[in-house]
Amino acid sequence: MFLIHTTHAVFAAALTEVMLVSEHAPISWQAAATIAVAFVVAPVPDIDQPESWVSRHIPGASLVSKFIRHRTLTHSLLVSVLLYLVLFGLGFHIPDWLATGIFMGWVSHWLIDLVNPMGVQLFYPLPWWVKPPVPWLAIGVESPGESLIRALMRVFVTVLTLSYLLVHAPPMLQKAAGPLETYALRWVGLWTWPWLGTVCHVLHLR
């Protein structure tokens, strides 16, 4: 079974936003577009599952599942590396915001699938499946746990977005916000991870 597409989409948005915050990205349409692209792309790796949202809504997509087992090739490091090379390494001059959004959406998909009981064949074609080390850490498909995580991620994305906007707002607006500005600074600081910013800079994710 597979996590529903909205869970993947919201997680991709959350992860991409943390990446941009960690890089101290400026407020711009490119930053918003990067998050939007990640949100849209995130469900795509489930094209290997005939009952997935992608397979049911994109003409011909369901044919992929006839040749590729679910959570194998499309959920592997191999495809993620190949995708990265196409987006950043072959000189196609894809806009940074578009390339980053596509890559983050794709990678975020198998990252959250790692908490599913089935896990993923991350090192495909090697026959090793990566899954939660203990059963109680696993999140079942369309379970109360998945619903709760999805709801919390929606709140997280909303609060982090508003906080980041306030932190970068004109001084007049910050002053008008009163103590909210202090809370916004603390919240943004909590999700600003220098190591992640460094990694993303090295990988040209921005």
Protein backbone atom coordinates (compact mmCIF):
# COMPACT_ATOMS: atom_id res chain seq x y z
CA MET A 1 0.00 0.00 0.00
CA PHE A 2 1.03 3.63 -0.40
CA LEU A 3 0.64 6.83 1.58
CA ILE A 4 -2.00 9.03 -0.03
CA HIS A 5 -0.85 11.73 -2.41
CA THR A 6 -1.76 14.66 -0.16
CA THR A 7 0.54 13.35 2.58
CA HIS A 8 3.43 13.23 0.12
CA ALA A 9 2.61 16.68 -1.25
CA VAL A 10 2.41 18.39 2.14
CA PHE A 11 5.60 16.69 3.37
CA ALA A 12 7.41 17.87 0.23
CA ALA A 13 6.26 21.43 0.85
CA ALA A 14 7.39 21.25 4.49
CA LEU A 15 10.81 19.80 3.66
CA THR A 16 11.40 22.29 0.84
CA GLU A 17 10.42 25.18 3.08
CA VAL A 18 12.87 24.07 5.77
CA MET A 19 15.56 23.86 3.08
CA LEU A 20 14.85 27.42 1.90
CA VAL A 21 14.74 28.75 5.47
CA SER A 22 18.07 27.05 6.23
CA GLU A 23 19.56 28.78 3.18
CA HIS A 24 18.13 32.16 4.29
CA ALA A 25 16.35 32.39 0.94
CA PRO A 26 14.90 35.81 0.11
CA ILE A 27 11.15 36.30 -0.15
CA SER A 28 10.50 35.88 -3.88
CA TRP A 29 8.22 34.26 -6.40
CA GLN A 30 11.00 31.78 -7.14
CA ALA A 31 10.97 30.53 -3.55
CA ALA A 32 7.19 30.15 -3.65
CA ALA A 33 7.40 28.40 -7.02
CA THR A 34 10.02 25.97 -5.70
CA ILE A 35 7.68 24.90 -2.91
CA ALA A 36 4.74 24.66 -5.32
CA VAL A 37 6.69 22.47 -7.75
CA ALA A 38 7.81 20.15 -4.95
CA PHE A 39 4.18 19.91 -3.81
CA VAL A 40 3.03 18.89 -7.30
CA VAL A 41 5.89 16.49 -8.06
CA ALA A 42 5.86 14.64 -4.73
CA PRO A 43 3.13 12.09 -5.62
CA VAL A 44 4.75 11.17 -8.97
CA PRO A 45 7.02 8.29 -7.80
CA ASP A 46 3.86 6.34 -7.00
CA ILE A 47 3.38 5.98 -10.73
CA ASP A 48 4.51 2.40 -10.10
CA GLN A 49 1.25 1.72 -8.23
CA PRO A 50 -1.85 1.31 -10.44
CA GLU A 51 -4.22 2.54 -7.72
CA SER A 52 -2.26 5.71 -6.94
CA TRP A 53 -3.59 9.21 -7.62
CA VAL A 54 -0.97 9.74 -10.34
CA SER A 55 -1.78 6.50 -12.16
CA ARG A 56 -5.50 7.25 -12.06
CA HIS A 57 -5.27 10.85 -13.24
CA ILE A 58 -2.48 10.87 -15.85
CA PRO A 59 -3.41 9.09 -19.10
CA GLY A 60 -1.21 6.04 -19.68
CA ALA A 61 0.59 6.35 -16.35
CA SER A 62 -0.85 3.08 -15.08
CA LEU A 63 1.18 1.21 -17.70
CA VAL A 64 4.34 1.86 -15.66
CA SER A 65 3.10 -0.39 -12.86
CA LYS A 66 2.98 -3.32 -15.28
CA PHE A 67 6.76 -3.23 -15.56
CA ILE A 68 7.97 -1.79 -12.25
CA ARG A 69 7.16 -3.15 -8.81
CA HIS A 70 5.85 -0.64 -6.28
CA ARG A 71 8.47 1.11 -4.12
CA THR A 72 11.43 -0.24 -6.07
CA LEU A 73 12.99 1.64 -9.01
CA THR A 74 11.07 4.92 -8.69
CA HIS A 75 11.76 5.01 -4.95
CA SER A 76 15.49 4.28 -5.22
CA LEU A 77 18.67 6.25 -4.76
CA LEU A 78 19.60 5.20 -8.30
CA VAL A 79 16.74 7.14 -9.89
CA SER A 80 17.24 10.06 -7.50
CA VAL A 81 20.89 10.37 -8.55
CA LEU A 82 20.00 10.08 -12.25
CA LEU A 83 17.30 12.71 -11.82
CA TYR A 84 19.77 15.03 -10.10
CA LEU A 85 22.24 14.62 -12.99
CA VAL A 86 19.53 15.43 -15.54
CA LEU A 87 18.39 18.50 -13.61
CA PHE A 88 21.76 19.91 -12.59
CA GLY A 89 24.63 18.10 -14.28
CA LEU A 90 23.94 17.80 -18.01
CA GLY A 91 23.83 21.46 -18.98
CA PHE A 92 20.12 21.73 -19.77
CA HIS A 93 19.96 25.16 -18.09
CA ILE A 94 16.80 24.38 -16.17
CA PRO A 95 15.85 27.28 -13.86
CA ASP A 96 17.09 26.69 -10.32
CA TRP A 97 13.62 27.03 -8.78
CA LEU A 98 12.17 24.44 -11.16
CA ALA A 99 15.03 21.95 -10.87
CA THR A 100 15.14 22.24 -7.08
CA GLY A 101 11.38 21.84 -6.77
CA ILE A 102 11.37 18.71 -8.94
CA PHE A 103 14.27 17.15 -7.05
CA MET A 104 12.92 17.95 -3.59
CA GLY A 105 9.48 16.65 -4.51
CA TRP A 106 10.91 13.38 -5.77
CA VAL A 107 13.31 12.75 -2.89
CA SER A 108 10.79 13.75 -0.24
CA HIS A 109 8.49 11.01 -1.51
CA TRP A 110 10.71 8.09 -0.63
CA LEU A 111 11.94 9.81 2.54
CA ILE A 112 8.49 9.73 4.11
CA ASP A 113 7.80 6.27 2.66
CA LEU A 114 10.62 5.01 4.88
CA VAL A 115 8.21 5.17 7.82
CA ASN A 116 5.67 2.95 6.08
CA PRO A 117 5.58 -0.69 7.29
CA MET A 118 6.50 -1.92 3.80
CA GLY A 119 9.49 0.40 3.46
CA VAL A 120 11.25 1.00 0.13
CA GLN A 121 13.85 -0.81 -1.96
CA LEU A 122 16.12 2.18 -1.56
CA PHE A 123 19.26 0.51 -2.94
CA TYR A 124 17.56 -0.99 -6.00
CA PRO A 125 18.54 -3.22 -7.81
CA LEU A 126 19.98 -4.72 -4.62
CA PRO A 127 17.23 -6.70 -2.83
CA TRP A 128 17.43 -4.70 0.42
CA TRP A 129 14.29 -3.03 1.75
CA VAL A 130 14.67 -0.14 4.16
CA LYS A 131 11.84 0.14 6.69
CA PRO A 132 11.27 1.28 10.29
CA PRO A 133 13.57 -0.69 12.64
CA VAL A 134 10.76 -1.44 15.07
CA PRO A 135 7.05 -1.94 14.20
CA TRP A 136 5.71 0.77 16.49
CA LEU A 137 7.60 3.43 14.50
CA ALA A 138 5.77 2.48 11.32
CA ILE A 139 2.84 4.57 10.07
CA GLY A 140 0.11 2.60 8.36
CA VAL A 141 -1.51 3.74 5.12
CA GLU A 142 -4.57 5.96 5.70
CA SER A 143 -4.24 5.24 9.41
CA PRO A 144 -5.01 7.73 12.18
CA GLY A 145 -1.25 8.22 12.42
CA GLU A 146 -0.99 9.30 8.80
CA SER A 147 -3.98 11.63 9.15
CA LEU A 148 -2.45 13.21 12.26
CA ILE A 149 0.95 13.70 10.62
CA ARG A 150 -0.65 15.23 7.54
CA ALA A 151 -2.65 17.67 9.66
CA LEU A 152 0.40 18.63 11.71
CA MET A 153 2.47 19.20 8.57
CA ARG A 154 -0.20 21.52 7.18
CA VAL A 155 -0.08 23.56 10.37
CA PHE A 156 3.71 23.50 10.29
CA VAL A 157 3.91 24.83 6.73
CA THR A 158 1.40 27.57 7.46
CA VAL A 159 3.08 28.73 10.68
CA LEU A 160 6.60 28.62 9.24
CA THR A 161 5.49 30.55 6.14
CA LEU A 162 3.82 33.29 8.17
CA SER A 163 6.75 33.45 10.60
CA TYR A 164 9.32 33.76 7.83
CA LEU A 165 7.28 36.49 6.15
CA LEU A 166 7.04 38.40 9.43
CA VAL A 167 10.77 38.07 10.13
CA HIS A 168 11.48 39.61 6.71
CA ALA A 169 8.69 42.18 6.86
CA PRO A 170 9.32 45.96 7.01
CA PRO A 171 10.15 47.22 10.54
CA MET A 172 6.80 48.98 10.76
CA LEU A 173 4.92 45.69 10.38
CA GLN A 174 7.25 43.89 12.78
CA LYS A 175 6.62 46.57 15.39
CA ALA A 176 2.87 46.33 14.85
CA ALA A 177 3.07 42.55 15.36
CA GLY A 178 4.31 43.08 18.90
CA PRO A 179 5.36 39.86 20.69
CA LEU A 180 4.43 37.80 17.63
CA GLU A 181 7.63 38.99 15.99
CA THR A 182 9.68 37.47 18.83
CA TYR A 183 7.85 34.16 18.54
CA ALA A 184 8.33 34.22 14.77
CA LEU A 185 12.07 34.72 15.18
CA ARG A 186 12.30 31.81 17.58
CA TRP A 187 10.24 29.54 15.33
CA VAL A 188 12.27 30.37 12.23
CA GLY A 189 15.49 29.92 14.20
CA LEU A 190 14.36 26.50 15.35
CA TRP A 191 14.04 25.34 11.74
CA THR A 192 17.16 27.03 10.39
CA TRP A 193 19.70 24.22 10.16
CA PRO A 194 23.16 25.41 9.04
CA TRP A 195 24.25 21.91 8.04
CA LEU A 196 21.25 21.59 5.73
CA GLY A 197 21.95 24.97 4.21
CA THR A 198 25.54 23.89 3.54
CA VAL A 199 24.47 20.60 1.95
CA CYS A 200 21.94 22.36 -0.26
CA HIS A 201 24.51 24.95 -1.29
CA VAL A 202 26.95 22.21 -2.32
CA LEU A 203 24.22 20.43 -4.29
CA HIS A 204 23.06 23.72 -5.88
CA LEU A 205 19.59 23.30 -4.40
CA ARG A 206 18.12 26.79 -4.09
